[in-house]
Amino acid sequence: MRSHDYYVYIVTNRSWTLYTRVTNNLERCVWEHKNKATKGFTSRYRIGKLIYMEQFRDVRDAIPREKQIKGWTRAKKWALINGANPTCRDLSEGWFQEGDASLRSA
């Protein structure tokens, strides 16, 4: 991962609730989701399993893609996810060590 790139990603939970977002720091965002570091939807619903991501060089490409995916039906989102990650494995597996606070936002 290059830090100057942008990512559109989808995270989920045990109930398969989908959450789509764009970021320029995917590792930090995933860490925050997994550790419930920010109050809101993802911490309330324990959403932290990264199941889809796309990488962009320019935020002007990433933001419209995020909006496009957010506007899709659930079935279309699942078709996208299953095409890239048919087993729905956590794509961030192995990124963090237990108790790792190094990515906590300031």
PDB file of N, CA and C in Angstrom:
ATOM      1  N   MET A   1       0.832  -1.184   0.000  1.00  0.00           N
ATOM      2  CA  MET A   1       0.000   0.000   0.000  1.00  0.00           C
ATOM      3  C   MET A   1       0.877   1.249   0.000  1.00  0.00           C
ATOM      4  N   ARG A   2       0.520   2.180  -0.823  1.00  0.00           N
ATOM      5  CA  ARG A   2       1.229   3.461  -0.857  1.00  0.00           C
ATOM      6  C   ARG A   2       0.390   4.481  -0.104  1.00  0.00           C
ATOM      7  N   SER A   3       1.041   5.244   0.760  1.00  0.00           N
ATOM      8  CA  SER A   3       0.306   6.169   1.626  1.00  0.00           C
ATOM      9  C   SER A   3      -0.325   7.329   0.876  1.00  0.00           C
ATOM     10  N   HIS A   4       0.165   7.630  -0.332  1.00  0.00           N
ATOM     11  CA  HIS A   4      -0.386   8.761  -1.072  1.00  0.00           C
ATOM     12  C   HIS A   4      -1.530   8.350  -1.998  1.00  0.00           C
ATOM     13  N   ASP A   5      -1.940   7.100  -1.928  1.00  0.00           N
ATOM     14  CA  ASP A   5      -3.061   6.626  -2.724  1.00  0.00           C
ATOM     15  C   ASP A   5      -4.360   6.744  -1.921  1.00  0.00           C
ATOM     16  N   TYR A   6      -5.462   6.519  -2.621  1.00  0.00           N
ATOM     17  CA  TYR A   6      -6.786   6.560  -2.011  1.00  0.00           C
ATOM     18  C   TYR A   6      -7.436   5.207  -2.197  1.00  0.00           C
ATOM     19  N   TYR A   7      -8.281   4.851  -1.265  1.00  0.00           N
ATOM     20  CA  TYR A   7      -8.917   3.536  -1.277  1.00  0.00           C
ATOM     21  C   TYR A   7     -10.412   3.678  -1.052  1.00  0.00           C
ATOM     22  N   VAL A   8     -11.176   2.958  -1.841  1.00  0.00           N
ATOM     23  CA  VAL A   8     -12.587   2.748  -1.567  1.00  0.00           C
ATOM     24  C   VAL A   8     -12.649   1.348  -1.000  1.00  0.00           C
ATOM     25  N   TYR A   9     -13.290   1.209   0.151  1.00  0.00           N
ATOM     26  CA  TYR A   9     -13.290  -0.096   0.796  1.00  0.00           C
ATOM     27  C   TYR A   9     -14.650  -0.412   1.385  1.00  0.00           C
ATOM     28  N   ILE A  10     -14.862  -1.700   1.598  1.00  0.00           N
ATOM     29  CA  ILE A  10     -16.089  -2.170   2.237  1.00  0.00           C
ATOM     30  C   ILE A  10     -15.688  -3.049   3.413  1.00  0.00           C
ATOM     31  N   VAL A  11     -16.270  -2.743   4.559  1.00  0.00           N
ATOM     32  CA  VAL A  11     -16.087  -3.557   5.754  1.00  0.00           C
ATOM     33  C   VAL A  11     -17.439  -4.109   6.169  1.00  0.00           C
ATOM     34  N   THR A  12     -17.399  -5.190   6.944  1.00  0.00           N
ATOM     35  CA  THR A  12     -18.631  -5.844   7.361  1.00  0.00           C
ATOM     36  C   THR A  12     -18.485  -6.394   8.771  1.00  0.00           C
ATOM     37  N   ASN A  13     -19.532  -7.068   9.227  1.00  0.00           N
ATOM     38  CA  ASN A  13     -19.547  -7.691  10.551  1.00  0.00           C
ATOM     39  C   ASN A  13     -20.094  -9.111  10.432  1.00  0.00           C
ATOM     40  N   ARG A  14     -20.371  -9.737  11.552  1.00  0.00           N
ATOM     41  CA  ARG A  14     -20.892 -11.121  11.553  1.00  0.00           C
ATOM     42  C   ARG A  14     -22.269 -11.227  10.918  1.00  0.00           C
ATOM     43  N   SER A  15     -23.023 -10.144  10.935  1.00  0.00           N
ATOM     44  CA  SER A  15     -24.367 -10.134  10.337  1.00  0.00           C
ATOM     45  C   SER A  15     -24.337  -9.715   8.873  1.00  0.00           C
ATOM     46  N   TRP A  16     -23.143  -9.458   8.343  1.00  0.00           N
ATOM     47  CA  TRP A  16     -22.924  -9.068   6.947  1.00  0.00           C
ATOM     48  C   TRP A  16     -23.518  -7.697   6.603  1.00  0.00           C
ATOM     49  N   THR A  17     -23.533  -6.808   7.587  1.00  0.00           N
ATOM     50  CA  THR A  17     -23.875  -5.408   7.333  1.00  0.00           C
ATOM     51  C   THR A  17     -22.715  -4.796   6.562  1.00  0.00           C
ATOM     52  N   LEU A  18     -23.005  -4.061   5.504  1.00  0.00           N
ATOM     53  CA  LEU A  18     -21.951  -3.491   4.665  1.00  0.00           C
ATOM     54  C   LEU A  18     -21.780  -2.001   4.939  1.00  0.00           C
ATOM     55  N   TYR A  19     -20.522  -1.563   4.979  1.00  0.00           N
ATOM     56  CA  TYR A  19     -20.193  -0.155   5.179  1.00  0.00           C
ATOM     57  C   TYR A  19     -19.120   0.206   4.162  1.00  0.00           C
ATOM     58  N   THR A  20     -19.379   1.217   3.350  1.00  0.00           N
ATOM     59  CA  THR A  20     -18.469   1.646   2.281  1.00  0.00           C
ATOM     60  C   THR A  20     -17.926   3.026   2.602  1.00  0.00           C
ATOM     61  N   ARG A  21     -16.625   3.204   2.356  1.00  0.00           N
ATOM     62  CA  ARG A  21     -15.990   4.490   2.659  1.00  0.00           C
ATOM     63  C   ARG A  21     -14.781   4.690   1.754  1.00  0.00           C
ATOM     64  N   VAL A  22     -14.311   5.938   1.670  1.00  0.00           N
ATOM     65  CA  VAL A  22     -13.081   6.270   0.954  1.00  0.00           C
ATOM     66  C   VAL A  22     -12.084   6.836   1.970  1.00  0.00           C
ATOM     67  N   THR A  23     -10.801   6.540   1.776  1.00  0.00           N
ATOM     68  CA  THR A  23      -9.772   7.030   2.683  1.00  0.00           C
ATOM     69  C   THR A  23      -8.432   7.115   1.963  1.00  0.00           C
ATOM     70  N   ASN A  24      -7.526   7.882   2.539  1.00  0.00           N
ATOM     71  CA  ASN A  24      -6.152   7.889   2.038  1.00  0.00           C
ATOM     72  C   ASN A  24      -5.233   7.140   2.997  1.00  0.00           C
ATOM     73  N   ASN A  25      -5.815   6.515   4.032  1.00  0.00           N
ATOM     74  CA  ASN A  25      -5.035   5.723   4.979  1.00  0.00           C
ATOM     75  C   ASN A  25      -5.851   4.497   5.377  1.00  0.00           C
ATOM     76  N   LEU A  26      -5.796   3.487   4.528  1.00  0.00           N
ATOM     77  CA  LEU A  26      -6.625   2.298   4.724  1.00  0.00           C
ATOM     78  C   LEU A  26      -6.263   1.566   6.011  1.00  0.00           C
ATOM     79  N   GLU A  27      -4.995   1.407   6.290  1.00  0.00           N
ATOM     80  CA  GLU A  27      -4.595   0.686   7.503  1.00  0.00           C
ATOM     81  C   GLU A  27      -5.148   1.349   8.758  1.00  0.00           C
ATOM     82  N   ARG A  28      -5.038   2.675   8.846  1.00  0.00           N
ATOM     83  CA  ARG A  28      -5.550   3.387  10.016  1.00  0.00           C
ATOM     84  C   ARG A  28      -7.056   3.210  10.149  1.00  0.00           C
ATOM     85  N   CYS A  29      -7.771   3.361   9.051  1.00  0.00           N
ATOM     86  CA  CYS A  29      -9.238   3.235   9.106  1.00  0.00           C
ATOM     87  C   CYS A  29      -9.662   1.835   9.522  1.00  0.00           C
ATOM     88  N   VAL A  30      -9.034   0.827   8.963  1.00  0.00           N
ATOM     89  CA  VAL A  30      -9.388  -0.548   9.324  1.00  0.00           C
ATOM     90  C   VAL A  30      -9.074  -0.788  10.796  1.00  0.00           C
ATOM     91  N   TRP A  31      -7.921  -0.296  11.250  1.00  0.00           N
ATOM     92  CA  TRP A  31      -7.570  -0.432  12.664  1.00  0.00           C
ATOM     93  C   TRP A  31      -8.643   0.221  13.535  1.00  0.00           C
ATOM     94  N   GLU A  32      -9.075   1.420  13.153  1.00  0.00           N
ATOM     95  CA  GLU A  32     -10.105   2.123  13.924  1.00  0.00           C
ATOM     96  C   GLU A  32     -11.418   1.341  13.949  1.00  0.00           C
ATOM     97  N   HIS A  33     -11.796   0.745  12.807  1.00  0.00           N
ATOM     98  CA  HIS A  33     -13.019  -0.066  12.779  1.00  0.00           C
ATOM     99  C   HIS A  33     -12.875  -1.272  13.704  1.00  0.00           C
ATOM    100  N   LYS A  34     -11.771  -1.978  13.593  1.00  0.00           N
ATOM    101  CA  LYS A  34     -11.563  -3.192  14.386  1.00  0.00           C
ATOM    102  C   LYS A  34     -11.516  -2.899  15.888  1.00  0.00           C
ATOM    103  N   ASN A  35     -11.012  -1.751  16.243  1.00  0.00           N
ATOM    104  CA  ASN A  35     -10.835  -1.395  17.649  1.00  0.00           C
ATOM    105  C   ASN A  35     -11.907  -0.448  18.177  1.00  0.00           C
ATOM    106  N   LYS A  36     -12.929  -0.210  17.380  1.00  0.00           N
ATOM    107  CA  LYS A  36     -14.047   0.660  17.775  1.00  0.00           C
ATOM    108  C   LYS A  36     -13.529   1.994  18.320  1.00  0.00           C
ATOM    109  N   ALA A  37     -12.549   2.550  17.624  1.00  0.00           N
ATOM    110  CA  ALA A  37     -11.851   3.752  18.078  1.00  0.00           C
ATOM    111  C   ALA A  37     -12.662   5.024  17.883  1.00  0.00           C
ATOM    112  N   THR A  38     -13.663   4.985  17.025  1.00  0.00           N
ATOM    113  CA  THR A  38     -14.501   6.163  16.823  1.00  0.00           C
ATOM    114  C   THR A  38     -15.959   5.783  17.060  1.00  0.00           C
ATOM    115  N   LYS A  39     -16.663   6.661  17.694  1.00  0.00           N
ATOM    116  CA  LYS A  39     -18.086   6.427  17.968  1.00  0.00           C
ATOM    117  C   LYS A  39     -18.865   6.514  16.658  1.00  0.00           C
ATOM    118  N   GLY A  40     -19.902   5.738  16.561  1.00  0.00           N
ATOM    119  CA  GLY A  40     -20.761   5.817  15.397  1.00  0.00           C
ATOM    120  C   GLY A  40     -21.207   4.452  14.907  1.00  0.00           C
ATOM    121  N   PHE A  41     -21.631   4.436  13.656  1.00  0.00           N
ATOM    122  CA  PHE A  41     -22.244   3.255  13.046  1.00  0.00           C
ATOM    123  C   PHE A  41     -21.351   2.023  13.140  1.00  0.00           C
ATOM    124  N   THR A  42     -20.090   2.142  12.724  1.00  0.00           N
ATOM    125  CA  THR A  42     -19.229   0.953  12.659  1.00  0.00           C
ATOM    126  C   THR A  42     -18.896   0.407  14.037  1.00  0.00           C
ATOM    127  N   SER A  43     -18.722   1.260  15.019  1.00  0.00           N
ATOM    128  CA  SER A  43     -18.451   0.746  16.370  1.00  0.00           C
ATOM    129  C   SER A  43     -19.721   0.156  16.979  1.00  0.00           C
ATOM    130  N   ARG A  44     -20.844   0.793  16.744  1.00  0.00           N
ATOM    131  CA  ARG A  44     -22.126   0.300  17.281  1.00  0.00           C
ATOM    132  C   ARG A  44     -22.456  -1.087  16.732  1.00  0.00           C
ATOM    133  N   TYR A  45     -22.185  -1.304  15.448  1.00  0.00           N
ATOM    134  CA  TYR A  45     -22.523  -2.584  14.816  1.00  0.00           C
ATOM    135  C   TYR A  45     -21.330  -3.523  14.685  1.00  0.00           C
ATOM    136  N   ARG A  46     -20.207  -3.167  15.323  1.00  0.00           N
ATOM    137  CA  ARG A  46     -19.005  -4.004  15.348  1.00  0.00           C
ATOM    138  C   ARG A  46     -18.540  -4.386  13.952  1.00  0.00           C
ATOM    139  N   ILE A  47     -18.454  -3.383  13.100  1.00  0.00           N
ATOM    140  CA  ILE A  47     -18.038  -3.586  11.720  1.00  0.00           C
ATOM    141  C   ILE A  47     -16.536  -3.392  11.639  1.00  0.00           C
ATOM    142  N   GLY A  48     -15.818  -4.433  11.223  1.00  0.00           N
ATOM    143  CA  GLY A  48     -14.366  -4.324  11.181  1.00  0.00           C
ATOM    144  C   GLY A  48     -13.669  -5.310  10.270  1.00  0.00           C
ATOM    145  N   LYS A  49     -14.419  -6.086   9.520  1.00  0.00           N
ATOM    146  CA  LYS A  49     -13.812  -7.079   8.625  1.00  0.00           C
ATOM    147  C   LYS A  49     -13.726  -6.485   7.218  1.00  0.00           C
ATOM    148  N   LEU A  50     -12.506  -6.263   6.753  1.00  0.00           N
ATOM    149  CA  LEU A  50     -12.283  -5.692   5.420  1.00  0.00           C
ATOM    150  C   LEU A  50     -12.496  -6.780   4.373  1.00  0.00           C
ATOM    151  N   ILE A  51     -13.527  -6.604   3.530  1.00  0.00           N
ATOM    152  CA  ILE A  51     -13.814  -7.640   2.537  1.00  0.00           C
ATOM    153  C   ILE A  51     -13.667  -7.159   1.097  1.00  0.00           C
ATOM    154  N   TYR A  52     -13.443  -5.859   0.900  1.00  0.00           N
ATOM    155  CA  TYR A  52     -13.282  -5.341  -0.460  1.00  0.00           C
ATOM    156  C   TYR A  52     -12.513  -4.035  -0.414  1.00  0.00           C
ATOM    157  N   MET A  53     -11.656  -3.823  -1.434  1.00  0.00           N
ATOM    158  CA  MET A  53     -10.966  -2.535  -1.557  1.00  0.00           C
ATOM    159  C   MET A  53     -10.553  -2.314  -2.997  1.00  0.00           C
ATOM    160  N   GLU A  54     -10.542  -1.050  -3.372  1.00  0.00           N
ATOM    161  CA  GLU A  54     -10.035  -0.602  -4.663  1.00  0.00           C
ATOM    162  C   GLU A  54      -9.055   0.528  -4.396  1.00  0.00           C
ATOM    163  N   GLN A  55      -7.992   0.582  -5.168  1.00  0.00           N
ATOM    164  CA  GLN A  55      -6.955   1.596  -4.988  1.00  0.00           C
ATOM    165  C   GLN A  55      -7.000   2.604  -6.132  1.00  0.00           C
ATOM    166  N   PHE A  56      -6.835   3.892  -5.793  1.00  0.00           N
ATOM    167  CA  PHE A  56      -6.863   4.971  -6.769  1.00  0.00           C
ATOM    168  C   PHE A  56      -5.682   5.894  -6.535  1.00  0.00           C
ATOM    169  N   ARG A  57      -5.165   6.466  -7.590  1.00  0.00           N
ATOM    170  CA  ARG A  57      -4.085   7.447  -7.480  1.00  0.00           C
ATOM    171  C   ARG A  57      -4.623   8.843  -7.176  1.00  0.00           C
ATOM    172  N   ASP A  58      -5.866   9.091  -7.541  1.00  0.00           N
ATOM    173  CA  ASP A  58      -6.436  10.436  -7.441  1.00  0.00           C
ATOM    174  C   ASP A  58      -7.759  10.384  -6.686  1.00  0.00           C
ATOM    175  N   VAL A  59      -7.906  11.255  -5.705  1.00  0.00           N
ATOM    176  CA  VAL A  59      -9.138  11.307  -4.932  1.00  0.00           C
ATOM    177  C   VAL A  59     -10.333  11.642  -5.820  1.00  0.00           C
ATOM    178  N   ARG A  60     -10.092  12.341  -6.931  1.00  0.00           N
ATOM    179  CA  ARG A  60     -11.186  12.696  -7.852  1.00  0.00           C
ATOM    180  C   ARG A  60     -11.745  11.475  -8.577  1.00  0.00           C
ATOM    181  N   ASP A  61     -11.053  10.372  -8.516  1.00  0.00           N
ATOM    182  CA  ASP A  61     -11.577   9.107  -9.030  1.00  0.00           C
ATOM    183  C   ASP A  61     -12.201   8.275  -7.909  1.00  0.00           C
ATOM    184  N   ALA A  62     -11.607   8.352  -6.731  1.00  0.00           N
ATOM    185  CA  ALA A  62     -12.067   7.535  -5.605  1.00  0.00           C
ATOM    186  C   ALA A  62     -13.437   7.966  -5.089  1.00  0.00           C
ATOM    187  N   ILE A  63     -13.651   9.259  -4.938  1.00  0.00           N
ATOM    188  CA  ILE A  63     -14.917   9.737  -4.364  1.00  0.00           C
ATOM    189  C   ILE A  63     -16.127   9.379  -5.229  1.00  0.00           C
ATOM    190  N   PRO A  64     -16.074   9.591  -6.556  1.00  0.00           N
ATOM    191  CA  PRO A  64     -17.232   9.167  -7.370  1.00  0.00           C
ATOM    192  C   PRO A  64     -17.470   7.656  -7.314  1.00  0.00           C
ATOM    193  N   ARG A  65     -16.385   6.877  -7.209  1.00  0.00           N
ATOM    194  CA  ARG A  65     -16.545   5.417  -7.112  1.00  0.00           C
ATOM    195  C   ARG A  65     -17.221   5.046  -5.796  1.00  0.00           C
ATOM    196  N   GLU A  66     -16.830   5.693  -4.709  1.00  0.00           N
ATOM    197  CA  GLU A  66     -17.481   5.440  -3.421  1.00  0.00           C
ATOM    198  C   GLU A  66     -18.975   5.753  -3.521  1.00  0.00           C
ATOM    199  N   LYS A  67     -19.313   6.892  -4.096  1.00  0.00           N
ATOM    200  CA  LYS A  67     -20.723   7.283  -4.238  1.00  0.00           C
ATOM    201  C   LYS A  67     -21.481   6.313  -5.126  1.00  0.00           C
ATOM    202  N   GLN A  68     -20.817   5.841  -6.177  1.00  0.00           N
ATOM    203  CA  GLN A  68     -21.448   4.871  -7.075  1.00  0.00           C
ATOM    204  C   GLN A  68     -21.801   3.594  -6.313  1.00  0.00           C
ATOM    205  N   ILE A  69     -20.834   3.053  -5.596  1.00  0.00           N
ATOM    206  CA  ILE A  69     -21.057   1.810  -4.853  1.00  0.00           C
ATOM    207  C   ILE A  69     -22.123   2.012  -3.779  1.00  0.00           C
ATOM    208  N   LYS A  70     -22.072   3.121  -3.063  1.00  0.00           N
ATOM    209  CA  LYS A  70     -23.072   3.389  -2.027  1.00  0.00           C
ATOM    210  C   LYS A  70     -24.485   3.447  -2.601  1.00  0.00           C
ATOM    211  N   GLY A  71     -24.618   3.837  -3.867  1.00  0.00           N
ATOM    212  CA  GLY A  71     -25.922   3.930  -4.503  1.00  0.00           C
ATOM    213  C   GLY A  71     -26.457   2.612  -5.035  1.00  0.00           C
ATOM    214  N   TRP A  72     -25.630   1.599  -5.031  1.00  0.00           N
ATOM    215  CA  TRP A  72     -26.037   0.293  -5.545  1.00  0.00           C
ATOM    216  C   TRP A  72     -26.940  -0.451  -4.565  1.00  0.00           C
ATOM    217  N   THR A  73     -27.652  -1.413  -5.115  1.00  0.00           N
ATOM    218  CA  THR A  73     -28.431  -2.316  -4.274  1.00  0.00           C
ATOM    219  C   THR A  73     -27.470  -3.228  -3.520  1.00  0.00           C
ATOM    220  N   ARG A  74     -27.973  -3.811  -2.468  1.00  0.00           N
ATOM    221  CA  ARG A  74     -27.175  -4.769  -1.690  1.00  0.00           C
ATOM    222  C   ARG A  74     -26.701  -5.922  -2.567  1.00  0.00           C
ATOM    223  N   ALA A  75     -27.562  -6.399  -3.451  1.00  0.00           N
ATOM    224  CA  ALA A  75     -27.209  -7.520  -4.336  1.00  0.00           C
ATOM    225  C   ALA A  75     -26.047  -7.146  -5.263  1.00  0.00           C
ATOM    226  N   LYS A  76     -26.072  -5.950  -5.781  1.00  0.00           N
ATOM    227  CA  LYS A  76     -24.999  -5.513  -6.677  1.00  0.00           C
ATOM    228  C   LYS A  76     -23.683  -5.362  -5.910  1.00  0.00           C
ATOM    229  N   LYS A  77     -23.753  -4.852  -4.682  1.00  0.00           N
ATOM    230  CA  LYS A  77     -22.550  -4.750  -3.854  1.00  0.00           C
ATOM    231  C   LYS A  77     -21.974  -6.137  -3.591  1.00  0.00           C
ATOM    232  N   TRP A  78     -22.832  -7.094  -3.282  1.00  0.00           N
ATOM    233  CA  TRP A  78     -22.356  -8.459  -3.022  1.00  0.00           C
ATOM    234  C   TRP A  78     -21.769  -9.094  -4.271  1.00  0.00           C
ATOM    235  N   ALA A  79     -22.310  -8.792  -5.430  1.00  0.00           N
ATOM    236  CA  ALA A  79     -21.730  -9.306  -6.680  1.00  0.00           C
ATOM    237  C   ALA A  79     -20.314  -8.760  -6.859  1.00  0.00           C
ATOM    238  N   LEU A  80     -20.110  -7.478  -6.546  1.00  0.00           N
ATOM    239  CA  LEU A  80     -18.785  -6.876  -6.623  1.00  0.00           C
ATOM    240  C   LEU A  80     -17.824  -7.548  -5.650  1.00  0.00           C
ATOM    241  N   ILE A  81     -18.256  -7.711  -4.417  1.00  0.00           N
ATOM    242  CA  ILE A  81     -17.417  -8.330  -3.382  1.00  0.00           C
ATOM    243  C   ILE A  81     -17.082  -9.765  -3.766  1.00  0.00           C
ATOM    244  N   ASN A  82     -18.083 -10.532  -4.148  1.00  0.00           N
ATOM    245  CA  ASN A  82     -17.862 -11.940  -4.490  1.00  0.00           C
ATOM    246  C   ASN A  82     -16.971 -12.118  -5.708  1.00  0.00           C
ATOM    247  N   GLY A  83     -16.986 -11.155  -6.622  1.00  0.00           N
ATOM    248  CA  GLY A  83     -16.103 -11.233  -7.780  1.00  0.00           C
ATOM    249  C   GLY A  83     -14.641 -11.068  -7.414  1.00  0.00           C
ATOM    250  N   ALA A  84     -14.371 -10.284  -6.383  1.00  0.00           N
ATOM    251  CA  ALA A  84     -12.991 -10.014  -5.968  1.00  0.00           C
ATOM    252  C   ALA A  84     -12.553 -10.877  -4.787  1.00  0.00           C
ATOM    253  N   ASN A  85     -13.487 -11.261  -3.948  1.00  0.00           N
ATOM    254  CA  ASN A  85     -13.166 -11.969  -2.704  1.00  0.00           C
ATOM    255  C   ASN A  85     -14.266 -12.986  -2.409  1.00  0.00           C
ATOM    256  N   PRO A  86     -14.346 -14.063  -3.209  1.00  0.00           N
ATOM    257  CA  PRO A  86     -15.478 -14.997  -3.097  1.00  0.00           C
ATOM    258  C   PRO A  86     -15.604 -15.689  -1.739  1.00  0.00           C
ATOM    259  N   THR A  87     -14.534 -15.810  -0.988  1.00  0.00           N
ATOM    260  CA  THR A  87     -14.623 -16.443   0.331  1.00  0.00           C
ATOM    261  C   THR A  87     -14.881 -15.424   1.442  1.00  0.00           C
ATOM    262  N   CYS A  88     -14.924 -14.149   1.086  1.00  0.00           N
ATOM    263  CA  CYS A  88     -15.143 -13.063   2.046  1.00  0.00           C
ATOM    264  C   CYS A  88     -14.141 -13.112   3.199  1.00  0.00           C
ATOM    265  N   ARG A  89     -12.912 -13.461   2.872  1.00  0.00           N
ATOM    266  CA  ARG A  89     -11.877 -13.464   3.913  1.00  0.00           C
ATOM    267  C   ARG A  89     -11.548 -12.020   4.289  1.00  0.00           C
ATOM    268  N   ASP A  90     -11.035 -11.846   5.476  1.00  0.00           N
ATOM    269  CA  ASP A  90     -10.644 -10.521   5.950  1.00  0.00           C
ATOM    270  C   ASP A  90      -9.341 -10.142   5.249  1.00  0.00           C
ATOM    271  N   LEU A  91      -9.389  -9.169   4.364  1.00  0.00           N
ATOM    272  CA  LEU A  91      -8.228  -8.758   3.585  1.00  0.00           C
ATOM    273  C   LEU A  91      -7.160  -8.089   4.445  1.00  0.00           C
ATOM    274  N   SER A  92      -7.503  -7.716   5.659  1.00  0.00           N
ATOM    275  CA  SER A  92      -6.535  -7.083   6.559  1.00  0.00           C
ATOM    276  C   SER A  92      -5.903  -8.087   7.527  1.00  0.00           C
ATOM    277  N   GLU A  93      -6.189  -9.347   7.326  1.00  0.00           N
ATOM    278  CA  GLU A  93      -5.633 -10.373   8.201  1.00  0.00           C
ATOM    279  C   GLU A  93      -4.105 -10.283   8.223  1.00  0.00           C
ATOM    280  N   GLY A  94      -3.540 -10.223   9.405  1.00  0.00           N
ATOM    281  CA  GLY A  94      -2.097 -10.140   9.567  1.00  0.00           C
ATOM    282  C   GLY A  94      -1.529  -8.728   9.556  1.00  0.00           C
ATOM    283  N   TRP A  95      -2.367  -7.717   9.390  1.00  0.00           N
ATOM    284  CA  TRP A  95      -1.894  -6.334   9.365  1.00  0.00           C
ATOM    285  C   TRP A  95      -1.497  -5.835  10.749  1.00  0.00           C
ATOM    286  N   PHE A  96      -2.158  -6.318  11.779  1.00  0.00           N
ATOM    287  CA  PHE A  96      -1.994  -5.756  13.114  1.00  0.00           C
ATOM    288  C   PHE A  96      -1.639  -6.842  14.120  1.00  0.00           C
ATOM    289  N   GLN A  97      -0.903  -6.443  15.139  1.00  0.00           N
ATOM    290  CA  GLN A  97      -0.614  -7.338  16.247  1.00  0.00           C
ATOM    291  C   GLN A  97      -1.596  -7.037  17.370  1.00  0.00           C
ATOM    292  N   GLU A  98      -1.854  -8.018  18.196  1.00  0.00           N
ATOM    293  CA  GLU A  98      -2.745  -7.838  19.336  1.00  0.00           C
ATOM    294  C   GLU A  98      -2.264  -6.663  20.198  1.00  0.00           C
ATOM    295  N   GLY A  99      -3.163  -5.739  20.489  1.00  0.00           N
ATOM    296  CA  GLY A  99      -2.822  -4.601  21.335  1.00  0.00           C
ATOM    297  C   GLY A  99      -2.059  -3.504  20.623  1.00  0.00           C
ATOM    298  N   ASP A 100      -1.910  -3.584  19.313  1.00  0.00           N
ATOM    299  CA  ASP A 100      -1.163  -2.583  18.555  1.00  0.00           C
ATOM    300  C   ASP A 100      -1.921  -1.272  18.539  1.00  0.00           C
ATOM    301  N   ALA A 101      -1.345  -0.259  19.131  1.00  0.00           N
ATOM    302  CA  ALA A 101      -1.975   1.069  19.164  1.00  0.00           C
ATOM    303  C   ALA A 101      -1.260   2.050  18.246  1.00  0.00           C
ATOM    304  N   SER A 102      -0.366   1.567  17.424  1.00  0.00           N
ATOM    305  CA  SER A 102       0.468   2.463  16.625  1.00  0.00           C
ATOM    306  C   SER A 102      -0.307   3.209  15.555  1.00  0.00           C
ATOM    307  N   LEU A 103      -1.474   2.739  15.178  1.00  0.00           N
ATOM    308  CA  LEU A 103      -2.239   3.392  14.114  1.00  0.00           C
ATOM    309  C   LEU A 103      -3.362   4.268  14.659  1.00  0.00           C
ATOM    310  N   ARG A 104      -3.448   4.368  15.951  1.00  0.00           N
ATOM    311  CA  ARG A 104      -4.500   5.179  16.556  1.00  0.00           C
ATOM    312  C   ARG A 104      -4.372   6.611  16.055  1.00  0.00           C
ATOM    313  N   SER A 105      -5.494   7.209  15.693  1.00  0.00           N
ATOM    314  CA  SER A 105      -5.460   8.597  15.205  1.00  0.00           C
ATOM    315  C   SER A 105      -5.160   9.544  16.359  1.00  0.00           C
ATOM    316  N   ALA A 106      -4.546  10.635  16.020  1.00  0.00           N
ATOM    317  CA  ALA A 106      -4.149  11.595  17.056  1.00  0.00           C
ATOM    318  C   ALA A 106      -5.312  12.418  17.538  1.00  0.00           C
TER     319      ALA A 106
END
